[in-house]
Amino acid sequence: MIRNLNQVNFAGFGTISPERAPTSDSLTVADKRRPLHLVQSDSTVYKSVSDVRLHCGSGMTVLSVSLDGEDFLDFYLDKPVCITSGVYFCLSPLGQENSQAEISSDTPPVDTGRVRKVQELQLTHRIRVTNLYTLFYHEKERGFFFPGESHPMSELTYVDQGSLHSVADGQDLLLEQGDLVIYGPDQWHMQYSDVDVAPRYVTISFDLEGCDISSLLNRKIRIPQKAALLLQQLLREQERMDNYSTDMMISLLNQLFLTVLRYMDAPVEKLKTSNAVHSENEIIRRAQQYISTHIREKLSVPLVARQVDVSPSYLTALFHKNLQISPGEYIRRIKLQESKQMIREDTMNFTEIAATLHYSTVHHFSRQFKEKFGITPTEYARSVR
């Protein structure tokens, strides 16, 4: 990567000349410089045998320097420098066909007969999501069954609430809250839940280039909180859907994959993760699990905090830090999601649902439902029955 040219970064290769307005003395020195016309091709590598003074000219120029002629550091030449004797260097235009610089030295530098490829100076995508086809948030009934499919694009499934069975290549994986599975192109897969579980999960179909993910396919992956947060941002961006949302969603999905790949690729680093970070994630997981399994009971932040052996203030801080939401708001959202499941089951009226979920009144329940989902409970019931 191209570095900023300053005294600290350039130490060992030479010095940075003062950046001052021209004077009569500096103009006299400038007469000794000779111009260099640089073109977009392989750059000749030189070795200094005395101090070499370089000045930037027109266009953008990259100065590459090395002490051994093998490992080069690249700098943006935006100020005058003096390279000390014995340093290998070359100059290249940056992002354009040509550029100019000026050079002066008591003894001309030696042409080493070697060249350095210009394309090494630029960073490009190695792994990228090229297409995003579908992004769905599923709310399924208890004991749901999906008979299976295969398609030419890859697919990701993430369990947000409850649990889900994933079947592919003859293997049945039980995915729980916070787990993710990836299916490859044309890989047949089916999904179902246990008779007493109504799962909520995300599915995304996409194309990915530049990375062999075969080692990740059909594996139960417990993703870090950072990756789960990216999924939440993806869903929010889908709801927003303005002129920039498509690019934002693809960018977020790309970040999600890079986060998961880095997480899966660094087992040693994961072992070295501090006990504090591991403990934080475990506390959040336990709190989420308790909320999900007791959602039809009267819940409060102090009650949940007691169940996971922390103070309410600490639990609140952890939720804000890792989920960007308070535990109280998290409980409210899960209750509203549960109310949708109860409406679909059609075994209670709205007053009974509100009472079961411990809302103060049915009107309070209806108001929060409308604020969250944009429709009333009655309108939602009509849409699913």
Protein backbone atom coordinates (compact mmCIF):
# COMPACT_ATOMS: atom_id res chain seq x y z
CA MET A 1 0.00 0.00 0.00
CA ILE A 2 1.24 3.50 -0.79
CA ARG A 3 2.48 5.28 2.33
CA ASN A 4 2.49 8.91 3.38
CA LEU A 5 5.90 10.51 2.89
CA ASN A 6 7.15 11.86 6.23
CA GLN A 7 10.30 11.79 8.35
CA VAL A 8 9.17 8.83 10.45
CA ASN A 9 8.08 6.59 7.56
CA PHE A 10 11.07 7.52 5.38
CA ALA A 11 13.72 7.04 8.09
CA GLY A 12 16.48 4.71 6.89
CA PHE A 13 16.09 5.72 3.25
CA GLY A 14 16.85 9.44 3.46
CA THR A 15 15.39 12.73 4.62
CA ILE A 16 12.46 14.97 3.75
CA SER A 17 13.46 18.43 2.56
CA PRO A 18 11.68 21.46 4.04
CA GLU A 19 8.56 22.55 2.15
CA ARG A 20 9.08 26.27 1.62
CA ALA A 21 8.33 28.91 -0.97
CA PRO A 22 11.10 29.30 -3.62
CA THR A 23 13.98 31.69 -2.89
CA SER A 24 16.82 32.94 -5.09
CA ASP A 25 19.14 30.28 -3.60
CA SER A 26 16.67 27.46 -4.17
CA LEU A 27 16.11 28.58 -7.75
CA THR A 28 19.87 28.36 -8.34
CA VAL A 29 19.89 24.80 -7.00
CA ALA A 30 16.90 23.99 -9.19
CA ASP A 31 18.99 24.72 -12.26
CA LYS A 32 20.99 21.54 -11.49
CA ARG A 33 17.94 19.29 -11.65
CA ARG A 34 17.09 17.29 -14.71
CA PRO A 35 13.53 16.31 -15.60
CA LEU A 36 12.28 12.74 -15.56
CA HIS A 37 9.38 11.80 -17.85
CA LEU A 38 7.69 8.75 -16.37
CA VAL A 39 5.32 6.51 -18.30
CA GLN A 40 2.89 3.78 -17.28
CA SER A 41 5.14 0.76 -17.80
CA ASP A 42 7.57 -1.33 -15.79
CA SER A 43 9.81 1.02 -13.80
CA THR A 44 13.60 0.87 -13.91
CA VAL A 45 15.24 0.18 -10.55
CA TYR A 46 18.25 2.38 -9.69
CA LYS A 47 20.77 2.32 -6.86
CA SER A 48 22.07 5.56 -5.41
CA VAL A 49 25.85 5.95 -5.05
CA SER A 50 25.58 9.44 -3.56
CA ASP A 51 22.74 11.54 -2.19
CA VAL A 52 19.91 11.72 -4.73
CA ARG A 53 17.49 14.64 -4.53
CA LEU A 54 14.01 14.16 -5.97
CA HIS A 55 11.29 16.75 -6.53
CA CYS A 56 7.70 16.16 -7.59
CA GLY A 57 6.58 17.62 -10.89
CA SER A 58 3.33 17.39 -12.81
CA GLY A 59 0.98 14.48 -12.27
CA MET A 60 1.08 11.97 -9.41
CA THR A 61 4.27 9.99 -8.83
CA VAL A 62 5.09 7.05 -6.58
CA LEU A 63 8.60 6.65 -5.16
CA SER A 64 9.52 3.06 -4.30
CA VAL A 65 12.58 2.46 -2.09
CA SER A 66 14.43 -0.61 -0.77
CA LEU A 67 17.59 -1.35 1.19
CA ASP A 68 18.17 -4.76 -0.42
CA GLY A 69 16.59 -4.37 -3.85
CA GLU A 70 13.94 -6.99 -3.01
CA ASP A 71 11.43 -5.61 -0.50
CA PHE A 72 10.18 -2.18 -1.56
CA LEU A 73 8.12 0.40 0.28
CA ASP A 74 5.99 2.76 -1.81
CA PHE A 75 5.54 6.47 -1.05
CA TYR A 76 3.51 9.19 -2.71
CA LEU A 77 6.08 11.75 -3.90
CA ASP A 78 4.38 15.01 -2.92
CA LYS A 79 7.38 16.77 -1.37
CA PRO A 80 11.15 17.00 -2.05
CA VAL A 81 13.31 14.20 -0.61
CA CYS A 82 16.98 13.32 -0.39
CA ILE A 83 17.77 9.61 -0.78
CA THR A 84 20.99 8.49 0.91
CA SER A 85 23.70 6.46 -0.80
CA GLY A 86 23.13 2.72 -1.22
CA VAL A 87 19.33 2.83 -1.52
CA TYR A 88 17.47 1.13 -4.38
CA PHE A 89 14.66 3.22 -5.85
CA CYS A 90 12.31 3.61 -8.80
CA LEU A 91 9.63 6.09 -9.87
CA SER A 92 6.21 5.37 -11.39
CA PRO A 93 3.16 7.42 -12.39
CA LEU A 94 0.14 6.78 -10.19
CA GLY A 95 -3.26 6.18 -11.75
CA GLN A 96 -2.44 7.87 -15.06
CA GLU A 97 -0.44 7.40 -18.26
CA ASN A 98 2.51 9.59 -17.26
CA SER A 99 3.93 12.01 -14.73
CA GLN A 100 7.05 14.10 -14.21
CA ALA A 101 9.65 14.45 -11.48
CA GLU A 102 13.03 16.13 -11.14
CA ILE A 103 16.31 14.55 -10.04
CA SER A 104 19.77 15.82 -9.09
CA SER A 105 22.84 14.11 -7.60
CA ASP A 106 26.62 14.52 -7.46
CA THR A 107 27.03 11.06 -8.98
CA PRO A 108 24.35 9.58 -11.24
CA PRO A 109 22.53 6.58 -9.74
CA VAL A 110 23.30 3.16 -11.20
CA ASP A 111 20.80 1.40 -13.46
CA THR A 112 20.52 -2.10 -11.91
CA GLY A 113 19.02 -3.58 -15.07
CA ARG A 114 15.93 -4.62 -13.13
CA VAL A 115 12.37 -3.41 -13.41
CA ARG A 116 9.41 -3.29 -11.04
CA LYS A 117 5.85 -3.83 -12.21
CA VAL A 118 3.63 -0.79 -11.85
CA GLN A 119 0.47 -2.81 -11.10
CA GLU A 120 1.99 -3.85 -7.77
CA LEU A 121 1.32 -0.32 -6.54
CA GLN A 122 -2.45 -0.53 -6.58
CA LEU A 123 -4.85 -2.37 -4.30
CA THR A 124 -7.78 -4.23 -5.85
CA HIS A 125 -10.61 -6.40 -4.56
CA ARG A 126 -9.57 -9.99 -3.95
CA ILE A 127 -12.88 -11.21 -2.53
CA ARG A 128 -16.13 -9.59 -3.55
CA VAL A 129 -19.85 -10.18 -3.76
CA THR A 130 -20.79 -9.56 -7.38
CA ASN A 131 -24.55 -10.08 -7.18
CA LEU A 132 -27.18 -10.13 -4.44
CA TYR A 133 -30.37 -11.88 -5.54
CA THR A 134 -32.58 -12.31 -2.49
CA LEU A 135 -32.62 -11.16 1.13
CA PHE A 136 -35.50 -12.56 3.18
CA TYR A 137 -36.40 -12.52 6.86
CA HIS A 138 -38.51 -15.63 7.52
CA GLU A 139 -40.98 -16.06 10.38
CA LYS A 140 -42.11 -19.68 10.29
CA GLU A 141 -44.78 -21.59 12.19
CA ARG A 142 -43.96 -24.36 14.63
CA GLY A 143 -42.88 -27.56 12.93
CA PHE A 144 -42.51 -25.95 9.49
CA PHE A 145 -41.04 -28.03 6.65
CA PHE A 146 -39.30 -26.83 3.48
CA PRO A 147 -38.93 -29.74 1.00
CA GLY A 148 -35.67 -28.51 -0.50
CA GLU A 149 -34.16 -26.82 -3.54
CA SER A 150 -30.93 -26.19 -5.45
CA HIS A 151 -29.97 -23.13 -7.53
CA PRO A 152 -26.91 -21.76 -9.35
CA MET A 153 -26.12 -19.11 -6.74
CA SER A 154 -24.74 -19.54 -3.22
CA GLU A 155 -27.00 -19.13 -0.19
CA LEU A 156 -26.52 -18.12 3.43
CA THR A 157 -28.93 -18.93 6.27
CA TYR A 158 -28.66 -17.26 9.70
CA VAL A 159 -30.87 -18.19 12.65
CA ASP A 160 -32.11 -15.09 14.47
CA GLN A 161 -34.52 -16.77 16.89
CA GLY A 162 -35.26 -20.36 17.87
CA SER A 163 -33.60 -23.25 16.04
CA LEU A 164 -33.61 -24.74 12.56
CA HIS A 165 -32.56 -28.04 10.99
CA SER A 166 -30.42 -27.70 7.86
CA VAL A 167 -30.06 -30.78 5.66
CA ALA A 168 -27.48 -30.97 2.84
CA ASP A 169 -25.17 -33.71 1.52
CA GLY A 170 -26.92 -36.23 3.79
CA GLN A 171 -26.05 -34.26 6.94
CA ASP A 172 -28.65 -32.82 9.34
CA LEU A 173 -27.30 -29.78 11.24
CA LEU A 174 -29.25 -28.26 14.12
CA LEU A 175 -28.70 -24.51 13.86
CA GLU A 176 -29.44 -22.46 16.95
CA GLN A 177 -29.74 -18.72 17.53
CA GLY A 178 -26.56 -17.03 16.28
CA ASP A 179 -25.58 -19.89 13.94
CA LEU A 180 -24.99 -19.56 10.21
CA VAL A 181 -24.71 -22.08 7.37
CA ILE A 182 -23.60 -21.55 3.74
CA TYR A 183 -24.73 -23.59 0.74
CA GLY A 184 -22.69 -23.61 -2.47
CA PRO A 185 -23.96 -23.21 -6.05
CA ASP A 186 -26.24 -26.09 -7.09
CA GLN A 187 -25.99 -27.67 -3.63
CA TRP A 188 -29.38 -29.21 -2.76
CA HIS A 189 -30.59 -28.34 0.73
CA MET A 190 -33.76 -28.53 2.81
CA GLN A 191 -34.81 -27.01 6.14
CA TYR A 192 -37.31 -27.80 8.87
CA SER A 193 -37.97 -27.09 12.53
CA ASP A 194 -38.99 -29.23 15.48
CA VAL A 195 -42.71 -29.42 16.22
CA ASP A 196 -42.46 -27.03 19.18
CA VAL A 197 -40.15 -24.46 17.54
CA ALA A 198 -41.19 -21.47 15.39
CA PRO A 199 -37.87 -20.25 13.95
CA ARG A 200 -37.02 -16.82 12.59
CA TYR A 201 -34.11 -16.71 10.23
CA VAL A 202 -32.45 -14.80 7.38
CA THR A 203 -31.66 -16.22 3.93
CA ILE A 204 -29.48 -14.46 1.35
CA SER A 205 -28.66 -15.70 -2.15
CA PHE A 206 -25.61 -14.21 -3.86
CA ASP A 207 -22.58 -14.68 -6.12
CA LEU A 208 -19.09 -14.48 -4.63
CA GLU A 209 -15.81 -14.15 -6.56
CA GLY A 210 -12.16 -14.47 -5.61
CA CYS A 211 -12.55 -16.95 -2.77
CA ASP A 212 -12.88 -20.71 -2.45
CA ILE A 213 -15.53 -21.19 0.25
CA SER A 214 -15.79 -24.96 -0.17
CA SER A 215 -14.33 -25.49 3.32
CA LEU A 216 -17.18 -23.41 4.80
CA LEU A 217 -20.06 -25.14 3.02
CA ASN A 218 -22.63 -27.04 5.09
CA ARG A 219 -20.89 -26.19 8.37
CA LYS A 220 -22.48 -24.87 11.53
CA ILE A 221 -20.75 -21.53 12.10
CA ARG A 222 -21.29 -19.53 15.28
CA ILE A 223 -20.58 -16.03 14.02
CA PRO A 224 -19.14 -13.20 16.16
CA GLN A 225 -21.34 -10.31 17.29
CA LYS A 226 -19.69 -8.03 14.72
CA ALA A 227 -21.02 -10.24 11.90
CA ALA A 228 -24.50 -10.44 13.45
CA LEU A 229 -24.56 -6.64 13.61
CA LEU A 230 -23.73 -6.46 9.89
CA LEU A 231 -26.74 -8.70 9.18
CA GLN A 232 -28.97 -6.36 11.16
CA GLN A 233 -27.64 -3.42 9.15
CA LEU A 234 -28.38 -5.33 5.93
CA LEU A 235 -32.01 -5.80 6.95
CA ARG A 236 -32.36 -2.14 7.94
CA GLU A 237 -30.88 -1.07 4.60
CA GLN A 238 -33.38 -3.28 2.77
CA GLU A 239 -36.22 -1.50 4.57
CA ARG A 240 -34.74 1.90 3.74
CA MET A 241 -34.18 1.17 0.02
CA ASP A 242 -33.07 4.59 -1.27
CA ASN A 243 -30.73 5.38 -4.19
CA TYR A 244 -27.71 4.06 -2.29
CA SER A 245 -29.19 1.00 -0.62
CA THR A 246 -28.21 -1.53 -3.31
CA ASP A 247 -24.54 -0.59 -3.08
CA MET A 248 -24.73 -0.41 0.71
CA MET A 249 -26.27 -3.88 0.93
CA ILE A 250 -23.64 -5.46 -1.33
CA SER A 251 -20.91 -3.67 0.63
CA LEU A 252 -22.33 -4.91 3.95
CA LEU A 253 -22.60 -8.47 2.64
CA ASN A 254 -18.99 -8.25 1.50
CA GLN A 255 -17.97 -7.08 4.98
CA LEU A 256 -19.97 -9.92 6.49
CA PHE A 257 -18.09 -12.51 4.45
CA LEU A 258 -14.70 -10.96 5.18
CA THR A 259 -15.54 -10.91 8.90
CA VAL A 260 -16.60 -14.57 8.87
CA LEU A 261 -13.62 -15.67 6.74
CA ARG A 262 -11.15 -13.86 9.00
CA TYR A 263 -12.85 -15.35 12.06
CA MET A 264 -12.73 -18.88 10.63
CA ASP A 265 -9.17 -18.48 9.32
CA ALA A 266 -7.59 -17.49 12.63
CA PRO A 267 -8.02 -20.34 15.16
CA VAL A 268 -4.87 -19.36 17.04
CA GLU A 269 -6.03 -15.79 17.33
CA LYS A 270 -9.43 -16.96 18.58
CA LEU A 271 -7.73 -18.99 21.30
CA LYS A 272 -5.87 -15.86 22.37
CA THR A 273 -9.04 -13.78 22.52
CA SER A 274 -9.30 -12.28 25.97
CA ASN A 275 -11.49 -13.94 28.56
CA ALA A 276 -13.32 -10.65 28.93
CA VAL A 277 -14.45 -10.59 25.28
CA HIS A 278 -15.48 -14.25 25.39
CA SER A 279 -17.39 -13.61 28.61
CA GLU A 280 -19.22 -10.64 27.06
CA ASN A 281 -20.39 -12.69 24.08
CA GLU A 282 -21.49 -15.54 26.35
CA ILE A 283 -23.48 -13.18 28.60
CA ILE A 284 -25.29 -11.72 25.59
CA ARG A 285 -25.98 -15.19 24.17
CA ARG A 286 -27.40 -16.40 27.49
CA ALA A 287 -29.53 -13.27 27.85
CA GLN A 288 -30.93 -13.64 24.32
CA GLN A 289 -31.66 -17.30 24.92
CA TYR A 290 -33.45 -16.58 28.20
CA ILE A 291 -35.54 -13.82 26.61
CA SER A 292 -36.52 -16.08 23.69
CA THR A 293 -37.55 -19.03 25.86
CA HIS A 294 -39.44 -16.89 28.41
CA ILE A 295 -40.93 -14.32 26.06
CA ARG A 296 -44.51 -15.05 27.17
CA GLU A 297 -43.60 -14.29 30.77
CA LYS A 298 -43.29 -10.89 32.43
CA LEU A 299 -39.74 -9.83 31.61
CA SER A 300 -37.66 -6.92 32.82
CA VAL A 301 -34.03 -5.92 32.47
CA PRO A 302 -33.26 -6.59 36.18
CA LEU A 303 -34.85 -10.05 35.89
CA VAL A 304 -32.83 -10.99 32.80
CA ALA A 305 -29.66 -9.57 34.38
CA ARG A 306 -30.15 -11.79 37.44
CA GLN A 307 -30.52 -14.85 35.21
CA VAL A 308 -27.11 -14.20 33.62
CA ASP A 309 -25.44 -13.11 36.89
CA VAL A 310 -24.66 -9.49 36.02
CA SER A 311 -26.01 -6.11 37.07
CA PRO A 312 -28.73 -4.40 34.99
CA SER A 313 -26.37 -1.52 34.16
CA TYR A 314 -23.67 -3.92 32.92
CA LEU A 315 -26.16 -5.87 30.81
CA THR A 316 -27.41 -2.60 29.32
CA ALA A 317 -23.84 -1.55 28.50
CA LEU A 318 -23.12 -4.90 26.81
CA PHE A 319 -26.27 -4.72 24.67
CA HIS A 320 -25.48 -1.17 23.58
CA LYS A 321 -21.86 -2.07 22.81
CA ASN A 322 -22.50 -5.29 20.87
CA LEU A 323 -26.07 -5.01 19.54
CA GLN A 324 -26.53 -1.22 19.46
CA ILE A 325 -29.81 -1.57 21.31
CA SER A 326 -30.91 -1.58 24.96
CA PRO A 327 -32.05 -4.88 26.53
CA GLY A 328 -35.45 -3.30 27.20
CA GLU A 329 -35.91 -2.45 23.52
CA TYR A 330 -34.65 -5.93 22.58
CA ILE A 331 -37.32 -7.52 24.80
CA ARG A 332 -39.98 -5.29 23.24
CA ARG A 333 -38.97 -6.31 19.70
CA ILE A 334 -38.92 -10.02 20.51
CA LYS A 335 -42.37 -9.73 22.13
CA LEU A 336 -43.72 -8.10 18.99
CA GLN A 337 -42.16 -10.82 16.82
CA GLU A 338 -43.78 -13.42 19.09
CA SER A 339 -47.13 -11.68 18.72
CA LYS A 340 -46.96 -12.19 14.94
CA GLN A 341 -46.44 -15.91 15.51
CA MET A 342 -49.41 -15.99 17.90
CA ILE A 343 -51.61 -14.19 15.36
CA ARG A 344 -50.64 -16.71 12.68
CA GLU A 345 -51.51 -19.60 15.01
CA ASP A 346 -55.02 -18.10 15.36
CA THR A 347 -55.75 -19.61 18.78
CA MET A 348 -56.15 -16.32 20.72
CA ASN A 349 -57.81 -12.98 20.12
CA PHE A 350 -55.84 -9.74 20.39
CA THR A 351 -56.86 -9.11 24.00
CA GLU A 352 -55.61 -12.57 25.00
CA ILE A 353 -52.36 -12.09 23.06
CA ALA A 354 -51.77 -8.75 24.77
CA ALA A 355 -52.41 -10.30 28.18
CA THR A 356 -50.19 -13.33 27.48
CA LEU A 357 -47.31 -11.04 26.49
CA HIS A 358 -47.95 -8.81 29.53
CA TYR A 359 -48.94 -5.60 27.74
CA SER A 360 -50.83 -3.23 30.02
CA THR A 361 -53.77 -3.01 27.59
CA VAL A 362 -54.70 -4.31 24.15
CA HIS A 363 -54.51 -0.70 22.90
CA HIS A 364 -50.91 -0.45 24.10
CA PHE A 365 -50.13 -3.68 22.25
CA SER A 366 -51.84 -2.51 19.04
CA ARG A 367 -50.05 0.84 19.11
CA GLN A 368 -46.60 -0.75 19.50
CA PHE A 369 -47.40 -3.32 16.79
CA LYS A 370 -48.34 -0.54 14.35
CA GLU A 371 -45.20 1.47 15.22
CA LYS A 372 -42.96 -1.54 14.62
CA PHE A 373 -44.52 -3.13 11.52
CA GLY A 374 -46.45 -0.29 9.90
CA ILE A 375 -49.78 -2.15 10.01
CA THR A 376 -52.28 -2.95 12.75
CA PRO A 377 -52.67 -6.45 14.25
CA THR A 378 -56.01 -6.72 12.45
CA GLU A 379 -54.44 -5.90 9.08
CA TYR A 380 -51.64 -8.39 9.71
CA ALA A 381 -54.14 -11.11 10.66
CA ARG A 382 -56.03 -10.58 7.40
CA SER A 383 -52.80 -10.89 5.41
CA VAL A 384 -51.82 -14.28 6.88
CA ARG A 385 -55.20 -16.02 7.15
